[in-house]
Each structure stands twice: as C-alpha cells, then as structure tokens.
PDB file of N, CA and C in Angstrom:
ATOM      1  N   UNK A   1     -18.969-125.101-230.114  1.00  0.00           N
ATOM      2  CA  UNK A   1     -18.943-123.981-229.187  1.00  0.00           C
ATOM      3  C   UNK A   1     -20.267-123.851-228.450  1.00  0.00           C
ATOM      4  N   UNK A   2     -21.371-124.210-229.069  1.00  0.00           N
ATOM      5  CA  UNK A   2     -22.676-124.114-228.443  1.00  0.00           C
ATOM      6  C   UNK A   2     -22.805-125.081-227.272  1.00  0.00           C
ATOM      7  N   UNK A   3     -22.294-126.309-227.439  1.00  0.00           N
ATOM      8  CA  UNK A   3     -22.332-127.279-226.346  1.00  0.00           C
ATOM      9  C   UNK A   3     -21.519-126.808-225.151  1.00  0.00           C
ATOM     10  N   UNK A   4     -20.413-126.132-225.408  1.00  0.00           N
ATOM     11  CA  UNK A   4     -19.578-125.598-224.345  1.00  0.00           C
ATOM     12  C   UNK A   4     -20.349-124.545-223.547  1.00  0.00           C
ATOM     13  N   UNK A   5     -21.032-123.649-224.241  1.00  0.00           N
ATOM     14  CA  UNK A   5     -21.799-122.598-223.558  1.00  0.00           C
ATOM     15  C   UNK A   5     -22.955-123.192-222.767  1.00  0.00           C
ATOM     16  N   UNK A   6     -23.625-124.181-223.334  1.00  0.00           N
ATOM     17  CA  UNK A   6     -24.723-124.828-222.640  1.00  0.00           C
ATOM     18  C   UNK A   6     -24.216-125.517-221.373  1.00  0.00           C
ATOM     19  N   UNK A   7     -23.090-126.193-221.481  1.00  0.00           N
ATOM     20  CA  UNK A   7     -22.497-126.845-220.311  1.00  0.00           C
ATOM     21  C   UNK A   7     -22.119-125.818-219.246  1.00  0.00           C
ATOM     22  N   UNK A   8     -21.583-124.690-219.673  1.00  0.00           N
ATOM     23  CA  UNK A   8     -21.197-123.633-218.750  1.00  0.00           C
ATOM     24  C   UNK A   8     -22.420-123.054-218.038  1.00  0.00           C
ATOM     25  N   UNK A   9     -23.488-122.819-218.766  1.00  0.00           N
ATOM     26  CA  UNK A   9     -24.723-122.292-218.182  1.00  0.00           C
ATOM     27  C   UNK A   9     -25.324-123.295-217.200  1.00  0.00           C
ATOM     28  N   UNK A  10     -25.335-124.558-217.573  1.00  0.00           N
ATOM     29  CA  UNK A  10     -25.868-125.581-216.678  1.00  0.00           C
ATOM     30  C   UNK A  10     -25.026-125.710-215.404  1.00  0.00           C
ATOM     31  N   UNK A  11     -23.729-125.656-215.536  1.00  0.00           N
ATOM     32  CA  UNK A  11     -22.847-125.742-214.377  1.00  0.00           C
ATOM     33  C   UNK A  11     -23.040-124.540-213.455  1.00  0.00           C
ATOM     34  N   UNK A  12     -23.149-123.361-214.035  1.00  0.00           N
ATOM     35  CA  UNK A  12     -23.368-122.150-213.238  1.00  0.00           C
ATOM     36  C   UNK A  12     -24.719-122.206-212.530  1.00  0.00           C
ATOM     37  N   UNK A  13     -25.734-122.708-213.198  1.00  0.00           N
ATOM     38  CA  UNK A  13     -27.058-122.841-212.589  1.00  0.00           C
ATOM     39  C   UNK A  13     -27.031-123.824-211.428  1.00  0.00           C
ATOM     40  N   UNK A  14     -26.370-124.950-211.621  1.00  0.00           N
ATOM     41  CA  UNK A  14     -26.271-125.954-210.562  1.00  0.00           C
ATOM     42  C   UNK A  14     -25.525-125.396-209.354  1.00  0.00           C
ATOM     43  N   UNK A  15     -24.481-124.634-209.595  1.00  0.00           N
ATOM     44  CA  UNK A  15     -23.720-124.023-208.510  1.00  0.00           C
ATOM     45  C   UNK A  15     -24.573-123.003-207.757  1.00  0.00           C
ATOM     46  N   UNK A  16     -25.329-122.202-208.471  1.00  0.00           N
ATOM     47  CA  UNK A  16     -26.196-121.210-207.834  1.00  0.00           C
ATOM     48  C   UNK A  16     -27.267-121.878-206.980  1.00  0.00           C
ATOM     49  N   UNK A  17     -27.855-122.938-207.481  1.00  0.00           N
ATOM     50  CA  UNK A  17     -28.888-123.652-206.721  1.00  0.00           C
ATOM     51  C   UNK A  17     -28.288-124.288-205.472  1.00  0.00           C
ATOM     52  N   UNK A  18     -27.133-124.902-205.605  1.00  0.00           N
ATOM     53  CA  UNK A  18     -26.485-125.546-204.456  1.00  0.00           C
ATOM     54  C   UNK A  18     -26.091-124.513-203.404  1.00  0.00           C
ATOM     55  N   UNK A  19     -25.611-123.363-203.838  1.00  0.00           N
ATOM     56  CA  UNK A  19     -25.199-122.319-202.904  1.00  0.00           C
ATOM     57  C   UNK A  19     -26.386-121.758-202.144  1.00  0.00           C
ATOM     58  N   UNK A  20     -27.469-121.433-202.843  1.00  0.00           N
ATOM     59  CA  UNK A  20     -28.618-120.853-202.156  1.00  0.00           C
ATOM     60  C   UNK A  20     -29.299-121.862-201.250  1.00  0.00           C
ATOM     61  N   UNK A  21     -29.374-123.107-201.635  1.00  0.00           N
ATOM     62  CA  UNK A  21     -29.984-124.098-200.751  1.00  0.00           C
ATOM     63  C   UNK A  21     -29.090-124.373-199.551  1.00  0.00           C
ATOM     64  N   UNK A  22     -27.788-124.291-199.721  1.00  0.00           N
ATOM     65  CA  UNK A  22     -26.872-124.459-198.593  1.00  0.00           C
ATOM     66  C   UNK A  22     -26.972-123.324-197.603  1.00  0.00           C
ATOM     67  N   UNK A  23     -27.144-122.111-198.092  1.00  0.00           N
ATOM     68  CA  UNK A  23     -27.316-120.973-197.203  1.00  0.00           C
ATOM     69  C   UNK A  23     -28.664-121.014-196.509  1.00  0.00           C
ATOM     70  N   UNK A  24     -29.679-121.402-197.211  1.00  0.00           N
ATOM     71  CA  UNK A  24     -31.014-121.447-196.640  1.00  0.00           C
ATOM     72  C   UNK A  24     -31.136-122.512-195.571  1.00  0.00           C
ATOM     73  N   UNK A  25     -30.349-123.556-195.652  1.00  0.00           N
ATOM     74  CA  UNK A  25     -30.482-124.656-194.701  1.00  0.00           C
ATOM     75  C   UNK A  25     -30.018-124.288-193.300  1.00  0.00           C
ATOM     76  N   UNK A  26     -29.268-123.180-193.127  1.00  0.00           N
ATOM     77  CA  UNK A  26     -28.807-122.799-191.803  1.00  0.00           C
ATOM     78  C   UNK A  26     -29.766-121.844-191.107  1.00  0.00           C
ATOM     79  N   UNK A  27     -30.828-121.413-191.767  1.00  0.00           N
ATOM     80  CA  UNK A  27     -31.788-120.502-191.146  1.00  0.00           C
ATOM     81  C   UNK A  27     -32.552-121.217-190.048  1.00  0.00           C
ATOM     82  N   UNK A  28     -32.625-120.589-188.881  1.00  0.00           N
ATOM     83  CA  UNK A  28     -33.382-121.148-187.780  1.00  0.00           C
ATOM     84  C   UNK A  28     -32.686-122.275-187.047  1.00  0.00           C
ATOM     85  N   UNK A  29     -31.423-122.500-187.308  1.00  0.00           N
ATOM     86  CA  UNK A  29     -30.668-123.566-186.641  1.00  0.00           C
ATOM     87  C   UNK A  29     -29.690-122.951-185.642  1.00  0.00           C
ATOM     88  N   UNK A  30     -29.303-123.756-184.656  1.00  0.00           N
ATOM     89  CA  UNK A  30     -28.404-123.285-183.605  1.00  0.00           C
ATOM     90  C   UNK A  30     -27.289-124.296-183.379  1.00  0.00           C
ATOM     91  N   UNK A  31     -26.123-123.789-182.970  1.00  0.00           N
ATOM     92  CA  UNK A  31     -24.960-124.619-182.652  1.00  0.00           C
ATOM     93  C   UNK A  31     -24.451-124.247-181.276  1.00  0.00           C
ATOM     94  N   UNK A  32     -23.882-125.217-180.578  1.00  0.00           N
ATOM     95  CA  UNK A  32     -23.199-124.972-179.317  1.00  0.00           C
ATOM     96  C   UNK A  32     -21.714-124.956-179.636  1.00  0.00           C
ATOM     97  N   UNK A  33     -21.022-123.879-179.242  1.00  0.00           N
ATOM     98  CA  UNK A  33     -19.596-123.751-179.545  1.00  0.00           C
ATOM     99  C   UNK A  33     -18.822-123.471-178.265  1.00  0.00           C
ATOM    100  N   UNK A  34     -17.620-123.999-178.204  1.00  0.00           N
ATOM    101  CA  UNK A  34     -16.714-123.704-177.107  1.00  0.00           C
ATOM    102  C   UNK A  34     -15.901-122.475-177.466  1.00  0.00           C
ATOM    103  N   UNK A  35     -15.996-121.431-176.661  1.00  0.00           N
ATOM    104  CA  UNK A  35     -15.322-120.167-176.911  1.00  0.00           C
ATOM    105  C   UNK A  35     -14.127-120.064-175.976  1.00  0.00           C
ATOM    106  N   UNK A  36     -12.914-120.163-176.528  1.00  0.00           N
ATOM    107  CA  UNK A  36     -11.709-120.140-175.696  1.00  0.00           C
ATOM    108  C   UNK A  36     -11.379-118.739-175.196  1.00  0.00           C
ATOM    109  N   UNK A  37     -11.930-117.696-175.815  1.00  0.00           N
ATOM    110  CA  UNK A  37     -11.672-116.323-175.372  1.00  0.00           C
ATOM    111  C   UNK A  37     -12.421-116.045-174.070  1.00  0.00           C
ATOM    112  N   UNK A  38     -13.701-116.435-174.030  1.00  0.00           N
ATOM    113  CA  UNK A  38     -14.521-116.197-172.839  1.00  0.00           C
ATOM    114  C   UNK A  38     -14.555-117.398-171.902  1.00  0.00           C
ATOM    115  N   UNK A  39     -13.940-118.498-172.300  1.00  0.00           N
ATOM    116  CA  UNK A  39     -13.927-119.746-171.537  1.00  0.00           C
ATOM    117  C   UNK A  39     -15.346-120.192-171.185  1.00  0.00           C
ATOM    118  N   UNK A  40     -16.204-120.182-172.216  1.00  0.00           N
ATOM    119  CA  UNK A  40     -17.595-120.569-172.014  1.00  0.00           C
ATOM    120  C   UNK A  40     -18.103-121.299-173.250  1.00  0.00           C
ATOM    121  N   UNK A  41     -19.302-121.806-173.134  1.00  0.00           N
ATOM    122  CA  UNK A  41     -19.986-122.412-174.272  1.00  0.00           C
ATOM    123  C   UNK A  41     -21.103-121.467-174.693  1.00  0.00           C
ATOM    124  N   UNK A  42     -21.085-121.076-175.934  1.00  0.00           N
ATOM    125  CA  UNK A  42     -22.074-120.149-176.457  1.00  0.00           C
ATOM    126  C   UNK A  42     -23.007-120.875-177.411  1.00  0.00           C
ATOM    127  N   UNK A  43     -24.182-120.320-177.583  1.00  0.00           N
ATOM    128  CA  UNK A  43     -25.133-120.813-178.570  1.00  0.00           C
ATOM    129  C   UNK A  43     -25.210-119.764-179.664  1.00  0.00           C
ATOM    130  N   UNK A  44     -24.909-120.200-180.883  1.00  0.00           N
ATOM    131  CA  UNK A  44     -24.880-119.282-182.018  1.00  0.00           C
ATOM    132  C   UNK A  44     -25.884-119.732-183.073  1.00  0.00           C
ATOM    133  N   UNK A  45     -26.320-118.762-183.888  1.00  0.00           N
ATOM    134  CA  UNK A  45     -27.322-119.071-184.909  1.00  0.00           C
ATOM    135  C   UNK A  45     -26.743-119.075-186.316  1.00  0.00           C
ATOM    136  N   UNK A  46     -25.429-118.984-186.430  1.00  0.00           N
ATOM    137  CA  UNK A  46     -24.769-119.095-187.728  1.00  0.00           C
ATOM    138  C   UNK A  46     -23.775-120.245-187.650  1.00  0.00           C
ATOM    139  N   UNK A  47     -23.624-120.952-188.753  1.00  0.00           N
ATOM    140  CA  UNK A  47     -22.714-122.100-188.787  1.00  0.00           C
ATOM    141  C   UNK A  47     -21.317-121.638-188.370  1.00  0.00           C
ATOM    142  N   UNK A  48     -20.765-122.200-187.292  1.00  0.00           N
ATOM    143  CA  UNK A  48     -19.473-121.728-186.795  1.00  0.00           C
ATOM    144  C   UNK A  48     -18.291-122.287-187.577  1.00  0.00           C
ATOM    145  N   UNK A  49     -17.219-121.525-187.584  1.00  0.00           N
ATOM    146  CA  UNK A  49     -15.950-121.985-188.134  1.00  0.00           C
ATOM    147  C   UNK A  49     -15.085-122.367-186.937  1.00  0.00           C
ATOM    148  N   UNK A  50     -14.850-123.650-186.778  1.00  0.00           N
ATOM    149  CA  UNK A  50     -14.162-124.173-185.605  1.00  0.00           C
ATOM    150  C   UNK A  50     -12.721-124.518-185.962  1.00  0.00           C
ATOM    151  N   UNK A  51     -11.799-124.133-185.065  1.00  0.00           N
ATOM    152  CA  UNK A  51     -10.391-124.430-185.268  1.00  0.00           C
ATOM    153  C   UNK A  51      -9.738-124.581-183.896  1.00  0.00           C
ATOM    154  N   UNK A  52      -8.909-125.596-183.704  1.00  0.00           N
ATOM    155  CA  UNK A  52      -8.240-125.750-182.406  1.00  0.00           C
ATOM    156  C   UNK A  52      -7.384-124.535-182.032  1.00  0.00           C
ATOM    157  N   UNK A  53      -6.892-123.812-183.015  1.00  0.00           N
ATOM    158  CA  UNK A  53      -6.073-122.632-182.753  1.00  0.00           C
ATOM    159  C   UNK A  53      -6.902-121.357-182.650  1.00  0.00           C
ATOM    160  N   UNK A  54      -8.156-121.401-183.070  1.00  0.00           N
ATOM    161  CA  UNK A  54      -8.990-120.211-183.101  1.00  0.00           C
ATOM    162  C   UNK A  54      -9.792-120.026-181.834  1.00  0.00           C
ATOM    163  N   UNK A  55     -10.608-118.985-181.820  1.00  0.00           N
ATOM    164  CA  UNK A  55     -11.404-118.718-180.616  1.00  0.00           C
ATOM    165  C   UNK A  55     -12.506-119.767-180.387  1.00  0.00           C
ATOM    166  N   UNK A  56     -12.985-120.405-181.439  1.00  0.00           N
ATOM    167  CA  UNK A  56     -14.003-121.444-181.295  1.00  0.00           C
ATOM    168  C   UNK A  56     -13.319-122.795-181.437  1.00  0.00           C
ATOM    169  N   UNK A  57     -13.175-123.517-180.330  1.00  0.00           N
ATOM    170  CA  UNK A  57     -12.381-124.744-180.353  1.00  0.00           C
ATOM    171  C   UNK A  57     -13.211-126.002-180.517  1.00  0.00           C
ATOM    172  N   UNK A  58     -14.539-125.922-180.382  1.00  0.00           N
ATOM    173  CA  UNK A  58     -15.384-127.053-180.760  1.00  0.00           C
ATOM    174  C   UNK A  58     -16.769-126.537-181.120  1.00  0.00           C
ATOM    175  N   UNK A  59     -17.471-127.314-181.910  1.00  0.00           N
ATOM    176  CA  UNK A  59     -18.828-126.981-182.291  1.00  0.00           C
ATOM    177  C   UNK A  59     -19.681-128.230-182.286  1.00  0.00           C
ATOM    178  N   UNK A  60     -20.932-128.083-181.900  1.00  0.00           N
ATOM    179  CA  UNK A  60     -21.842-129.206-181.827  1.00  0.00           C
ATOM    180  C   UNK A  60     -23.197-128.747-182.356  1.00  0.00           C
ATOM    181  N   UNK A  61     -23.749-129.479-183.278  1.00  0.00           N
ATOM    182  CA  UNK A  61     -25.051-129.101-183.823  1.00  0.00           C
ATOM    183  C   UNK A  61     -25.110-129.464-185.283  1.00  0.00           C
ATOM    184  N   UNK A  62     -26.101-129.032-185.965  1.00  0.00           N
ATOM    185  CA  UNK A  62     -27.082-128.002-185.614  1.00  0.00           C
ATOM    186  C   UNK A  62     -28.271-128.573-184.849  1.00  0.00           C
ATOM    187  N   UNK A  63     -28.940-127.663-184.138  1.00  0.00           N
ATOM    188  CA  UNK A  63     -30.165-127.970-183.413  1.00  0.00           C
ATOM    189  C   UNK A  63     -31.295-127.125-183.983  1.00  0.00           C
ATOM    190  N   UNK A  64     -32.489-127.673-183.964  1.00  0.00           N
ATOM    191  CA  UNK A  64     -33.633-127.009-184.601  1.00  0.00           C
ATOM    192  C   UNK A  64     -34.174-125.843-183.795  1.00  0.00           C
ATOM    193  N   UNK A  65     -33.907-125.815-182.495  1.00  0.00           N
ATOM    194  CA  UNK A  65     -34.409-124.709-181.680  1.00  0.00           C
ATOM    195  C   UNK A  65     -33.351-124.298-180.668  1.00  0.00           C
ATOM    196  N   UNK A  66     -33.521-123.089-180.142  1.00  0.00           N
ATOM    197  CA  UNK A  66     -32.620-122.586-179.117  1.00  0.00           C
ATOM    198  C   UNK A  66     -32.708-123.453-177.862  1.00  0.00           C
ATOM    199  N   UNK A  67     -33.911-123.889-177.524  1.00  0.00           N
ATOM    200  CA  UNK A  67     -34.092-124.743-176.348  1.00  0.00           C
ATOM    201  C   UNK A  67     -33.387-126.087-176.512  1.00  0.00           C
ATOM    202  N   UNK A  68     -33.415-126.646-177.720  1.00  0.00           N
ATOM    203  CA  UNK A  68     -32.685-127.894-177.976  1.00  0.00           C
ATOM    204  C   UNK A  68     -31.184-127.693-177.785  1.00  0.00           C
ATOM    205  N   UNK A  69     -30.673-126.553-178.242  1.00  0.00           N
ATOM    206  CA  UNK A  69     -29.250-126.251-178.082  1.00  0.00           C
ATOM    207  C   UNK A  69     -28.901-126.067-176.605  1.00  0.00           C
ATOM    208  N   UNK A  70     -29.778-125.409-175.848  1.00  0.00           N
ATOM    209  CA  UNK A  70     -29.543-125.249-174.398  1.00  0.00           C
ATOM    210  C   UNK A  70     -29.489-126.605-173.702  1.00  0.00           C
ATOM    211  N   UNK A  71     -30.397-127.494-174.069  1.00  0.00           N
ATOM    212  CA  UNK A  71     -30.411-128.838-173.487  1.00  0.00           C
ATOM    213  C   UNK A  71     -29.125-129.590-173.844  1.00  0.00           C
ATOM    214  N   UNK A  72     -28.710-129.486-175.091  1.00  0.00           N
ATOM    215  CA  UNK A  72     -27.481-130.162-175.527  1.00  0.00           C
ATOM    216  C   UNK A  72     -26.268-129.597-174.800  1.00  0.00           C
ATOM    217  N   UNK A  73     -26.247-128.291-174.582  1.00  0.00           N
ATOM    218  CA  UNK A  73     -25.113-127.662-173.893  1.00  0.00           C
ATOM    219  C   UNK A  73     -24.959-128.227-172.485  1.00  0.00           C
ATOM    220  N   UNK A  74     -26.067-128.544-171.850  1.00  0.00           N
ATOM    221  CA  UNK A  74     -26.011-129.137-170.501  1.00  0.00           C
ATOM    222  C   UNK A  74     -25.365-130.518-170.508  1.00  0.00           C
ATOM    223  N   UNK A  75     -25.450-131.207-171.644  1.00  0.00           N
ATOM    224  CA  UNK A  75     -24.915-132.566-171.751  1.00  0.00           C
ATOM    225  C   UNK A  75     -23.451-132.606-172.192  1.00  0.00           C
ATOM    226  N   UNK A  76     -22.899-131.494-172.631  1.00  0.00           N
ATOM    227  CA  UNK A  76     -21.515-131.442-173.104  1.00  0.00           C
ATOM    228  C   UNK A  76     -20.602-131.215-171.912  1.00  0.00           C
ATOM    229  N   UNK A  77     -19.702-132.147-171.655  1.00  0.00           N
ATOM    230  CA  UNK A  77     -18.876-132.096-170.441  1.00  0.00           C
ATOM    231  C   UNK A  77     -17.923-130.904-170.410  1.00  0.00           C
ATOM    232  N   UNK A  78     -17.537-130.375-171.546  1.00  0.00           N
ATOM    233  CA  UNK A  78     -16.602-129.252-171.586  1.00  0.00           C
ATOM    234  C   UNK A  78     -17.269-127.918-171.269  1.00  0.00           C
ATOM    235  N   UNK A  79     -18.591-127.904-171.195  1.00  0.00           N
ATOM    236  CA  UNK A  79     -19.318-126.657-170.971  1.00  0.00           C
ATOM    237  C   UNK A  79     -19.569-126.413-169.493  1.00  0.00           C
ATOM    238  N   UNK A  80     -19.449-125.145-169.055  1.00  0.00           N
ATOM    239  CA  UNK A  80     -19.816-124.809-167.679  1.00  0.00           C
ATOM    240  C   UNK A  80     -21.290-125.116-167.447  1.00  0.00           C
ATOM    241  N   UNK A  81     -21.690-125.365-166.237  1.00  0.00           N
ATOM    242  CA  UNK A  81     -23.059-125.762-165.918  1.00  0.00           C
ATOM    243  C   UNK A  81     -24.023-124.588-165.754  1.00  0.00           C
ATOM    244  N   UNK A  82     -23.586-123.370-165.970  1.00  0.00           N
ATOM    245  CA  UNK A  82     -24.444-122.201-165.788  1.00  0.00           C
ATOM    246  C   UNK A  82     -25.054-121.765-167.106  1.00  0.00           C
ATOM    247  N   UNK A  83     -26.355-121.473-167.123  1.00  0.00           N
ATOM    248  CA  UNK A  83     -27.014-120.946-168.314  1.00  0.00           C
ATOM    249  C   UNK A  83     -26.721-119.474-168.532  1.00  0.00           C
ATOM    250  N   UNK A  84     -26.048-118.832-167.574  1.00  0.00           N
ATOM    251  CA  UNK A  84     -25.736-117.412-167.701  1.00  0.00           C
ATOM    252  C   UNK A  84     -24.747-117.139-168.814  1.00  0.00           C
ATOM    253  N   UNK A  85     -24.010-118.153-169.265  1.00  0.00           N
ATOM    254  CA  UNK A  85     -23.019-117.952-170.328  1.00  0.00           C
ATOM    255  C   UNK A  85     -23.622-118.048-171.716  1.00  0.00           C
ATOM    256  N   UNK A  86     -24.940-118.197-171.810  1.00  0.00           N
ATOM    257  CA  UNK A  86     -25.593-118.349-173.118  1.00  0.00           C
ATOM    258  C   UNK A  86     -25.601-117.023-173.858  1.00  0.00           C
ATOM    259  N   UNK A  87     -25.491-117.132-175.152  1.00  0.00           N
ATOM    260  CA  UNK A  87     -25.642-115.955-176.011  1.00  0.00           C
ATOM    261  C   UNK A  87     -26.341-116.395-177.273  1.00  0.00           C
ATOM    262  N   UNK A  88     -27.078-115.501-177.844  1.00  0.00           N
ATOM    263  CA  UNK A  88     -27.788-115.801-179.083  1.00  0.00           C
ATOM    264  C   UNK A  88     -27.033-115.237-180.246  1.00  0.00           C
TER     265      UNK A  88
END
C-alpha cells in the first residue's frame, strides 16, 4: 500500500509541474487568429481554441512579441491588409 501512495504522490506532483509550466509558457506570447464573426484577423495574447465551425477558424503562432505577430499577420493571405483590425 505504501508503494501505491508514493506512486500516486509522484504522479500528482508530475501533473502539477507539467500543468504550471504549460500555463507559464503562454505568458508574453501572441497568436494571429482568423475571426469569422468580425471577418478579420486579430492578435490575441492567450492560446486560442480554433475550430472550423467556431468563431476562430485559424490560428498562427505563437510569436514572442506583438510586433512579430503584426508582421506575421501581414504575410497571411487570409488576413485583411489593414492594421486597424488589430486587437490585443
């Protein structure tokens, strides 16, 4: 029974470490997403959930800075060419 508890504690610890490092890795990163509701490409700072049936139909990134994401958005053919559609 002791080995079972030790294994359970180790598994829970590994899961906690993986979860917190996964959440921390998205801080300060940006994604370019296609928004079918507004018919624009937005820049978001949280990892997007993309679905062909949902409001976000594509995602590209992550980028280390907002300026990098803006530059990438200019290169994506599905995005309008105006920077006025940007959002943080």
